[in-house]
Amino acid sequence: MRKTRGNVVFGGLVLSAAALFVATIQVVFLRAPVEKTMGIVQKIFYFHVPSAYSMYLGATACFIGSAMYLIRPSDVSDALARAGAELAVVFGAIVLTTGPLWAAKAWGYYWTWDPRLTTSLLSVLIYVAYLVLRAFTGDGDGERRFAAALGILGAANLPIIHFSVQKWSGQHPTVITGKGGGLAHPDMKLALLLSFLAFTLFSIALLWARVRLEVARNRLARAEEDAIDLGLDDRDDATLSELAEPGATSPRASERTGA
């Protein structure tokens, strides 16, 4: 019953996110006026900023999961940290793609080593390193703890990204909280609000799906190991490790080697 209710809530979350994306696209391209200075390129803003916000959500989830794992290790906290890092990389890549497209029109070049751009790139690279570490090392407690420390380090860069413009100046505009302009018309504000809601629900849905999948994968691996111990499966731990992710070891095998 509880599982069925969870599936219903998850389905409703996905449908709501899809409906909000449809509404967002309609308002952005059919209702919100074209900005006088930037022209049609300004509409990138409605997807660039919510993507950065979603990257923050993923990084925060990675931080929470990593801290929880260091305090009390569990498959759920580890899965949350891993899913959060994946979310941060995906939406960080969107930010680093849409940002230069906007900058080419506003500044005349795609990239500059602006404080916010540089710290954003650094943050994405930290989470890429986290995922590479998880993909090509073992899945034992030691590897998970090392990755958790890296996840916490990545979160420490988030305030630096946010306050970099105020502290170190730079060219990056502050449209929402500053005097950057671009939201003079009510339909512009509505488009941004809808986009924030759509990206938020979409991020939660992705995070939920990845956590469920990762927890199920770990439970399946342990069930296979229990079957081997009971003589119900003729495969051994080495075979299970080869069937898992590259470089990963099964949870039981990690425990036996003292990882």
C-alpha atoms as a PDB file:
ATOM      1  CA  MET A   1       0.000   0.000   0.000  1.00  0.00           C
ATOM      2  CA  ARG A   2       2.793   2.409   0.958  1.00  0.00           C
ATOM      3  CA  LYS A   3       4.750   1.542  -2.184  1.00  0.00           C
ATOM      4  CA  THR A   4       1.665   2.098  -4.358  1.00  0.00           C
ATOM      5  CA  ARG A   5       1.051   5.476  -2.732  1.00  0.00           C
ATOM      6  CA  GLY A   6       4.667   6.433  -3.371  1.00  0.00           C
ATOM      7  CA  ASN A   7       4.320   5.520  -7.041  1.00  0.00           C
ATOM      8  CA  VAL A   8       1.177   7.638  -7.300  1.00  0.00           C
ATOM      9  CA  VAL A   9       2.913  10.628  -5.713  1.00  0.00           C
ATOM     10  CA  PHE A  10       5.918  10.174  -7.980  1.00  0.00           C
ATOM     11  CA  GLY A  11       3.691   9.955 -11.054  1.00  0.00           C
ATOM     12  CA  GLY A  12       1.845  13.085  -9.990  1.00  0.00           C
ATOM     13  CA  LEU A  13       5.165  14.859  -9.506  1.00  0.00           C
ATOM     14  CA  VAL A  14       6.325  13.947 -13.008  1.00  0.00           C
ATOM     15  CA  LEU A  15       3.023  14.990 -14.595  1.00  0.00           C
ATOM     16  CA  SER A  16       3.029  18.278 -12.702  1.00  0.00           C
ATOM     17  CA  ALA A  17       6.578  19.021 -13.820  1.00  0.00           C
ATOM     18  CA  ALA A  18       5.651  18.224 -17.436  1.00  0.00           C
ATOM     19  CA  ALA A  19       2.578  20.467 -17.293  1.00  0.00           C
ATOM     20  CA  LEU A  20       4.595  23.298 -15.795  1.00  0.00           C
ATOM     21  CA  PHE A  21       7.245  22.979 -18.517  1.00  0.00           C
ATOM     22  CA  VAL A  22       4.528  23.245 -21.179  1.00  0.00           C
ATOM     23  CA  ALA A  23       3.100  26.323 -19.454  1.00  0.00           C
ATOM     24  CA  THR A  24       6.576  27.815 -19.062  1.00  0.00           C
ATOM     25  CA  ILE A  25       7.414  27.433 -22.743  1.00  0.00           C
ATOM     26  CA  GLN A  26       4.064  28.958 -23.696  1.00  0.00           C
ATOM     27  CA  VAL A  27       4.579  32.005 -21.473  1.00  0.00           C
ATOM     28  CA  VAL A  28       8.260  32.453 -22.350  1.00  0.00           C
ATOM     29  CA  PHE A  29       7.826  32.378 -26.114  1.00  0.00           C
ATOM     30  CA  LEU A  30       4.231  33.514 -26.634  1.00  0.00           C
ATOM     31  CA  ARG A  31       3.457  35.964 -23.799  1.00  0.00           C
ATOM     32  CA  ALA A  32       6.653  37.431 -22.356  1.00  0.00           C
ATOM     33  CA  PRO A  33       7.820  40.382 -24.482  1.00  0.00           C
ATOM     34  CA  VAL A  34      11.159  40.443 -26.263  1.00  0.00           C
ATOM     35  CA  GLU A  35      13.699  42.444 -24.269  1.00  0.00           C
ATOM     36  CA  LYS A  36      14.800  45.610 -26.093  1.00  0.00           C
ATOM     37  CA  THR A  37      18.559  45.339 -25.598  1.00  0.00           C
ATOM     38  CA  MET A  38      19.227  41.596 -25.797  1.00  0.00           C
ATOM     39  CA  GLY A  39      16.398  40.644 -28.121  1.00  0.00           C
ATOM     40  CA  ILE A  40      15.293  37.025 -28.370  1.00  0.00           C
ATOM     41  CA  VAL A  41      18.558  35.857 -26.754  1.00  0.00           C
ATOM     42  CA  GLN A  42      17.329  37.207 -23.415  1.00  0.00           C
ATOM     43  CA  LYS A  43      14.848  34.320 -23.236  1.00  0.00           C
ATOM     44  CA  ILE A  44      17.773  32.020 -22.422  1.00  0.00           C
ATOM     45  CA  PHE A  45      17.593  33.660 -19.008  1.00  0.00           C
ATOM     46  CA  TYR A  46      14.356  31.811 -18.179  1.00  0.00           C
ATOM     47  CA  PHE A  47      16.158  28.482 -18.430  1.00  0.00           C
ATOM     48  CA  HIS A  48      19.667  29.486 -17.387  1.00  0.00           C
ATOM     49  CA  VAL A  49      18.786  30.787 -13.911  1.00  0.00           C
ATOM     50  CA  PRO A  50      16.452  27.895 -12.908  1.00  0.00           C
ATOM     51  CA  SER A  51      19.129  25.456 -14.111  1.00  0.00           C
ATOM     52  CA  ALA A  52      21.619  27.102 -11.754  1.00  0.00           C
ATOM     53  CA  TYR A  53      19.042  26.824  -8.981  1.00  0.00           C
ATOM     54  CA  SER A  54      18.584  23.109  -9.762  1.00  0.00           C
ATOM     55  CA  MET A  55      22.350  22.651  -9.654  1.00  0.00           C
ATOM     56  CA  TYR A  56      22.243  24.144  -6.143  1.00  0.00           C
ATOM     57  CA  LEU A  57      19.471  21.694  -5.199  1.00  0.00           C
ATOM     58  CA  GLY A  58      21.554  18.756  -6.405  1.00  0.00           C
ATOM     59  CA  ALA A  59      24.650  19.989  -4.600  1.00  0.00           C
ATOM     60  CA  THR A  60      22.634  20.482  -1.403  1.00  0.00           C
ATOM     61  CA  ALA A  61      21.241  16.950  -1.672  1.00  0.00           C
ATOM     62  CA  CYS A  62      24.771  15.630  -2.162  1.00  0.00           C
ATOM     63  CA  PHE A  63      25.930  17.542   0.910  1.00  0.00           C
ATOM     64  CA  ILE A  64      23.048  16.262   3.072  1.00  0.00           C
ATOM     65  CA  GLY A  65      23.516  12.668   1.899  1.00  0.00           C
ATOM     66  CA  SER A  66      27.290  12.837   2.393  1.00  0.00           C
ATOM     67  CA  ALA A  67      26.997  14.294   5.895  1.00  0.00           C
ATOM     68  CA  MET A  68      24.370  11.705   6.845  1.00  0.00           C
ATOM     69  CA  TYR A  69      26.598   8.902   5.564  1.00  0.00           C
ATOM     70  CA  LEU A  70      29.599  10.093   7.582  1.00  0.00           C
ATOM     71  CA  ILE A  71      27.441  10.301  10.719  1.00  0.00           C
ATOM     72  CA  ARG A  72      25.450   7.095  10.210  1.00  0.00           C
ATOM     73  CA  PRO A  73      26.273   5.068   7.070  1.00  0.00           C
ATOM     74  CA  SER A  74      23.314   3.716   5.108  1.00  0.00           C
ATOM     75  CA  ASP A  75      22.428   2.863   1.528  1.00  0.00           C
ATOM     76  CA  VAL A  76      19.796   5.607   1.441  1.00  0.00           C
ATOM     77  CA  SER A  77      22.155   8.416   2.477  1.00  0.00           C
ATOM     78  CA  ASP A  78      24.811   7.188   0.049  1.00  0.00           C
ATOM     79  CA  ALA A  79      22.227   7.004  -2.754  1.00  0.00           C
ATOM     80  CA  LEU A  80      21.055  10.550  -1.946  1.00  0.00           C
ATOM     81  CA  ALA A  81      24.612  11.874  -2.150  1.00  0.00           C
ATOM     82  CA  ARG A  82      25.254  10.107  -5.429  1.00  0.00           C
ATOM     83  CA  ALA A  83      21.970  11.240  -6.992  1.00  0.00           C
ATOM     84  CA  GLY A  84      22.598  14.808  -5.848  1.00  0.00           C
ATOM     85  CA  ALA A  85      26.025  14.840  -7.496  1.00  0.00           C
ATOM     86  CA  GLU A  86      24.517  13.567 -10.746  1.00  0.00           C
ATOM     87  CA  LEU A  87      21.885  16.285 -10.595  1.00  0.00           C
ATOM     88  CA  ALA A  88      24.525  18.950  -9.980  1.00  0.00           C
ATOM     89  CA  VAL A  89      26.546  17.797 -12.996  1.00  0.00           C
ATOM     90  CA  VAL A  90      23.552  17.635 -15.367  1.00  0.00           C
ATOM     91  CA  PHE A  91      22.168  21.050 -14.499  1.00  0.00           C
ATOM     92  CA  GLY A  92      25.646  22.511 -14.135  1.00  0.00           C
ATOM     93  CA  ALA A  93      26.305  21.463 -17.723  1.00  0.00           C
ATOM     94  CA  ILE A  94      23.126  23.271 -18.791  1.00  0.00           C
ATOM     95  CA  VAL A  95      24.281  26.391 -16.943  1.00  0.00           C
ATOM     96  CA  LEU A  96      27.705  26.267 -18.581  1.00  0.00           C
ATOM     97  CA  THR A  97      26.073  25.836 -21.999  1.00  0.00           C
ATOM     98  CA  THR A  98      23.334  28.465 -21.814  1.00  0.00           C
ATOM     99  CA  GLY A  99      25.540  31.011 -20.052  1.00  0.00           C
ATOM    100  CA  PRO A 100      28.083  31.370 -22.892  1.00  0.00           C
ATOM    101  CA  LEU A 101      25.261  31.587 -25.433  1.00  0.00           C
ATOM    102  CA  TRP A 102      23.879  34.567 -23.539  1.00  0.00           C
ATOM    103  CA  ALA A 103      27.371  36.042 -23.036  1.00  0.00           C
ATOM    104  CA  ALA A 104      28.133  35.942 -26.767  1.00  0.00           C
ATOM    105  CA  LYS A 105      25.325  38.440 -27.302  1.00  0.00           C
ATOM    106  CA  ALA A 106      25.839  40.529 -24.159  1.00  0.00           C
ATOM    107  CA  TRP A 107      29.647  40.674 -23.998  1.00  0.00           C
ATOM    108  CA  GLY A 108      30.713  39.744 -27.510  1.00  0.00           C
ATOM    109  CA  TYR A 109      32.530  36.565 -26.453  1.00  0.00           C
ATOM    110  CA  TYR A 110      31.497  33.199 -25.071  1.00  0.00           C
ATOM    111  CA  TRP A 111      33.707  32.931 -22.019  1.00  0.00           C
ATOM    112  CA  THR A 112      35.665  35.076 -19.606  1.00  0.00           C
ATOM    113  CA  TRP A 113      37.246  34.133 -16.319  1.00  0.00           C
ATOM    114  CA  ASP A 114      34.625  36.034 -14.380  1.00  0.00           C
ATOM    115  CA  PRO A 115      34.501  35.091 -10.645  1.00  0.00           C
ATOM    116  CA  ARG A 116      31.009  33.556 -10.870  1.00  0.00           C
ATOM    117  CA  LEU A 117      31.750  31.680 -14.088  1.00  0.00           C
ATOM    118  CA  THR A 118      35.032  30.350 -12.757  1.00  0.00           C
ATOM    119  CA  THR A 119      33.618  29.210  -9.410  1.00  0.00           C
ATOM    120  CA  SER A 120      30.633  27.608 -11.172  1.00  0.00           C
ATOM    121  CA  LEU A 121      32.969  25.658 -13.449  1.00  0.00           C
ATOM    122  CA  LEU A 122      35.014  24.595 -10.427  1.00  0.00           C
ATOM    123  CA  SER A 123      31.894  23.357  -8.662  1.00  0.00           C
ATOM    124  CA  VAL A 124      30.809  21.258 -11.653  1.00  0.00           C
ATOM    125  CA  LEU A 125      34.308  19.762 -11.939  1.00  0.00           C
ATOM    126  CA  ILE A 126      34.203  18.764  -8.251  1.00  0.00           C
ATOM    127  CA  TYR A 127      30.985  16.807  -8.798  1.00  0.00           C
ATOM    128  CA  VAL A 128      32.357  15.272 -11.991  1.00  0.00           C
ATOM    129  CA  ALA A 129      35.312  14.079  -9.899  1.00  0.00           C
ATOM    130  CA  TYR A 130      32.847  12.674  -7.356  1.00  0.00           C
ATOM    131  CA  LEU A 131      31.036  10.639 -10.018  1.00  0.00           C
ATOM    132  CA  VAL A 132      34.294   9.423 -11.579  1.00  0.00           C
ATOM    133  CA  LEU A 133      35.434   8.321  -8.129  1.00  0.00           C
ATOM    134  CA  ARG A 134      32.203   6.410  -7.546  1.00  0.00           C
ATOM    135  CA  ALA A 135      32.252   4.812 -10.997  1.00  0.00           C
ATOM    136  CA  PHE A 136      35.824   3.546 -11.058  1.00  0.00           C
ATOM    137  CA  THR A 137      36.555   2.636  -7.439  1.00  0.00           C
ATOM    138  CA  GLY A 138      35.041   0.049  -5.156  1.00  0.00           C
ATOM    139  CA  ASP A 139      31.688   0.385  -3.419  1.00  0.00           C
ATOM    140  CA  GLY A 140      32.987  -0.361   0.052  1.00  0.00           C
ATOM    141  CA  ASP A 141      32.618   1.807   3.135  1.00  0.00           C
ATOM    142  CA  GLY A 142      36.054   3.375   2.686  1.00  0.00           C
ATOM    143  CA  GLU A 143      35.357   4.478  -0.871  1.00  0.00           C
ATOM    144  CA  ARG A 144      31.931   5.803   0.119  1.00  0.00           C
ATOM    145  CA  ARG A 145      33.388   7.832   2.984  1.00  0.00           C
ATOM    146  CA  PHE A 146      36.066   9.346   0.762  1.00  0.00           C
ATOM    147  CA  ALA A 147      33.410  10.303  -1.786  1.00  0.00           C
ATOM    148  CA  ALA A 148      31.245  11.762   1.000  1.00  0.00           C
ATOM    149  CA  ALA A 149      34.105  14.033   2.037  1.00  0.00           C
ATOM    150  CA  LEU A 150      34.390  15.207  -1.571  1.00  0.00           C
ATOM    151  CA  GLY A 151      30.633  15.845  -1.659  1.00  0.00           C
ATOM    152  CA  ILE A 152      30.895  18.070   1.401  1.00  0.00           C
ATOM    153  CA  LEU A 153      33.828  19.917  -0.158  1.00  0.00           C
ATOM    154  CA  GLY A 154      31.728  20.620  -3.248  1.00  0.00           C
ATOM    155  CA  ALA A 155      28.970  22.198  -1.150  1.00  0.00           C
ATOM    156  CA  ALA A 156      31.493  24.544   0.456  1.00  0.00           C
ATOM    157  CA  ASN A 157      31.921  26.211  -2.944  1.00  0.00           C
ATOM    158  CA  LEU A 158      28.216  27.131  -3.287  1.00  0.00           C
ATOM    159  CA  PRO A 159      28.306  30.278  -1.083  1.00  0.00           C
ATOM    160  CA  ILE A 160      31.418  31.384  -2.971  1.00  0.00           C
ATOM    161  CA  ILE A 161      29.495  31.163  -6.252  1.00  0.00           C
ATOM    162  CA  HIS A 162      26.586  33.130  -4.840  1.00  0.00           C
ATOM    163  CA  PHE A 163      28.589  35.986  -3.310  1.00  0.00           C
ATOM    164  CA  SER A 164      31.386  36.104  -5.893  1.00  0.00           C
ATOM    165  CA  VAL A 165      29.795  38.984  -7.826  1.00  0.00           C
ATOM    166  CA  GLN A 166      29.376  41.121  -4.704  1.00  0.00           C
ATOM    167  CA  LYS A 167      32.815  40.354  -3.275  1.00  0.00           C
ATOM    168  CA  TRP A 168      34.976  40.349  -6.402  1.00  0.00           C
ATOM    169  CA  SER A 169      32.898  42.408  -8.824  1.00  0.00           C
ATOM    170  CA  GLY A 170      33.008  40.817 -12.281  1.00  0.00           C
ATOM    171  CA  GLN A 171      30.816  41.073 -15.343  1.00  0.00           C
ATOM    172  CA  HIS A 172      28.066  38.627 -14.400  1.00  0.00           C
ATOM    173  CA  PRO A 173      24.766  40.526 -13.987  1.00  0.00           C
ATOM    174  CA  THR A 174      22.492  40.363 -10.950  1.00  0.00           C
ATOM    175  CA  VAL A 175      19.147  40.533 -12.708  1.00  0.00           C
ATOM    176  CA  ILE A 176      16.887  39.281  -9.901  1.00  0.00           C
ATOM    177  CA  THR A 177      18.432  40.841  -6.794  1.00  0.00           C
ATOM    178  CA  GLY A 178      20.315  43.706  -8.386  1.00  0.00           C
ATOM    179  CA  LYS A 179      19.856  46.363 -11.043  1.00  0.00           C
ATOM    180  CA  GLY A 180      20.515  44.170 -14.055  1.00  0.00           C
ATOM    181  CA  GLY A 181      17.071  44.751 -15.555  1.00  0.00           C
ATOM    182  CA  GLY A 182      15.342  42.249 -17.789  1.00  0.00           C
ATOM    183  CA  LEU A 183      12.226  41.653 -15.633  1.00  0.00           C
ATOM    184  CA  ALA A 184      10.359  44.904 -16.145  1.00  0.00           C
ATOM    185  CA  HIS A 185       7.205  43.325 -17.587  1.00  0.00           C
ATOM    186  CA  PRO A 186       4.861  41.222 -15.376  1.00  0.00           C
ATOM    187  CA  ASP A 187       4.830  38.413 -17.957  1.00  0.00           C
ATOM    188  CA  MET A 188       8.614  38.186 -17.647  1.00  0.00           C
ATOM    189  CA  LYS A 189       8.285  37.647 -13.914  1.00  0.00           C
ATOM    190  CA  LEU A 190       5.537  35.073 -14.493  1.00  0.00           C
ATOM    191  CA  ALA A 191       7.716  33.190 -16.988  1.00  0.00           C
ATOM    192  CA  LEU A 192      10.596  33.052 -14.529  1.00  0.00           C
ATOM    193  CA  LEU A 193       8.340  31.917 -11.676  1.00  0.00           C
ATOM    194  CA  LEU A 194       6.827  29.114 -13.761  1.00  0.00           C
ATOM    195  CA  SER A 195      10.276  28.033 -14.872  1.00  0.00           C
ATOM    196  CA  PHE A 196      11.504  27.907 -11.280  1.00  0.00           C
ATOM    197  CA  LEU A 197       8.536  25.738 -10.289  1.00  0.00           C
ATOM    198  CA  ALA A 198       8.983  23.423 -13.283  1.00  0.00           C
ATOM    199  CA  PHE A 199      12.700  22.941 -12.690  1.00  0.00           C
ATOM    200  CA  THR A 200      12.137  22.401  -8.971  1.00  0.00           C
ATOM    201  CA  LEU A 201       9.589  19.621  -9.470  1.00  0.00           C
ATOM    202  CA  PHE A 202      11.686  18.090 -12.258  1.00  0.00           C
ATOM    203  CA  SER A 203      14.774  18.097 -10.022  1.00  0.00           C
ATOM    204  CA  ILE A 204      12.881  16.450  -7.165  1.00  0.00           C
ATOM    205  CA  ALA A 205      11.516  13.799  -9.538  1.00  0.00           C
ATOM    206  CA  LEU A 206      14.979  13.023 -10.918  1.00  0.00           C
ATOM    207  CA  LEU A 207      16.460  12.889  -7.431  1.00  0.00           C
ATOM    208  CA  TRP A 208      13.681  10.612  -6.187  1.00  0.00           C
ATOM    209  CA  ALA A 209      14.019   8.259  -9.160  1.00  0.00           C
ATOM    210  CA  ARG A 210      17.803   7.967  -8.851  1.00  0.00           C
ATOM    211  CA  VAL A 211      17.698   7.348  -5.093  1.00  0.00           C
ATOM    212  CA  ARG A 212      15.085   4.598  -5.517  1.00  0.00           C
ATOM    213  CA  LEU A 213      17.086   3.004  -8.311  1.00  0.00           C
ATOM    214  CA  GLU A 214      20.356   3.102  -6.379  1.00  0.00           C
ATOM    215  CA  VAL A 215      18.796   1.670  -3.209  1.00  0.00           C
ATOM    216  CA  ALA A 216      17.138  -1.105  -5.236  1.00  0.00           C
ATOM    217  CA  ARG A 217      20.470  -1.908  -6.911  1.00  0.00           C
ATOM    218  CA  ASN A 218      22.203  -2.271  -3.535  1.00  0.00           C
ATOM    219  CA  ARG A 219      19.408  -4.464  -2.180  1.00  0.00           C
ATOM    220  CA  LEU A 220      19.553  -6.667  -5.263  1.00  0.00           C
ATOM    221  CA  ALA A 221      23.310  -7.064  -4.887  1.00  0.00           C
ATOM    222  CA  ARG A 222      22.908  -8.161  -1.261  1.00  0.00           C
ATOM    223  CA  ALA A 223      20.104 -10.558  -2.177  1.00  0.00           C
ATOM    224  CA  GLU A 224      22.325 -12.170  -4.809  1.00  0.00           C
ATOM    225  CA  GLU A 225      25.120 -12.538  -2.253  1.00  0.00           C
ATOM    226  CA  ASP A 226      22.739 -14.109   0.261  1.00  0.00           C
ATOM    227  CA  ALA A 227      21.616 -16.539  -2.445  1.00  0.00           C
ATOM    228  CA  ILE A 228      25.243 -17.521  -3.045  1.00  0.00           C
ATOM    229  CA  ASP A 229      25.827 -18.064   0.680  1.00  0.00           C
ATOM    230  CA  LEU A 230      22.757 -20.300   0.834  1.00  0.00           C
ATOM    231  CA  GLY A 231      23.839 -22.272  -2.207  1.00  0.00           C
ATOM    232  CA  LEU A 232      20.941 -21.036  -4.339  1.00  0.00           C
ATOM    233  CA  ASP A 233      23.220 -19.372  -6.891  1.00  0.00           C
ATOM    234  CA  ASP A 234      26.411 -20.880  -8.313  1.00  0.00           C
ATOM    235  CA  ARG A 235      28.006 -17.489  -9.000  1.00  0.00           C
ATOM    236  CA  ASP A 236      30.625 -16.077  -6.618  1.00  0.00           C
ATOM    237  CA  ASP A 237      31.400 -12.549  -5.398  1.00  0.00           C
ATOM    238  CA  ALA A 238      33.981 -12.037  -8.147  1.00  0.00           C
ATOM    239  CA  THR A 239      31.375 -12.799 -10.802  1.00  0.00           C
ATOM    240  CA  LEU A 240      28.902 -10.387  -9.210  1.00  0.00           C
ATOM    241  CA  SER A 241      31.551  -7.672  -9.154  1.00  0.00           C
ATOM    242  CA  GLU A 242      32.170  -8.157 -12.880  1.00  0.00           C
ATOM    243  CA  LEU A 243      28.431  -7.764 -13.537  1.00  0.00           C
ATOM    244  CA  ALA A 244      28.279  -4.556 -11.496  1.00  0.00           C
ATOM    245  CA  GLU A 245      29.587  -1.108 -12.476  1.00  0.00           C
ATOM    246  CA  PRO A 246      33.179  -0.842 -13.758  1.00  0.00           C
ATOM    247  CA  GLY A 247      35.543  -0.913 -10.820  1.00  0.00           C
ATOM    248  CA  ALA A 248      32.786  -1.560  -8.279  1.00  0.00           C
ATOM    249  CA  THR A 249      32.787  -4.371  -5.761  1.00  0.00           C
ATOM    250  CA  SER A 250      29.765  -5.983  -4.197  1.00  0.00           C
ATOM    251  CA  PRO A 251      28.859  -4.805  -0.675  1.00  0.00           C
ATOM    252  CA  ARG A 252      29.531  -8.223   0.846  1.00  0.00           C
ATOM    253  CA  ALA A 253      32.868  -8.563  -0.954  1.00  0.00           C
ATOM    254  CA  SER A 254      33.910  -5.156   0.355  1.00  0.00           C
ATOM    255  CA  GLU A 255      33.108  -6.201   3.902  1.00  0.00           C
ATOM    256  CA  ARG A 256      35.155  -9.388   3.544  1.00  0.00           C
ATOM    257  CA  THR A 257      38.218  -7.488   2.314  1.00  0.00           C
ATOM    258  CA  GLY A 258      37.941  -5.006   5.151  1.00  0.00           C
ATOM    259  CA  ALA A 259      37.143  -2.026   2.898  1.00  0.00           C
END
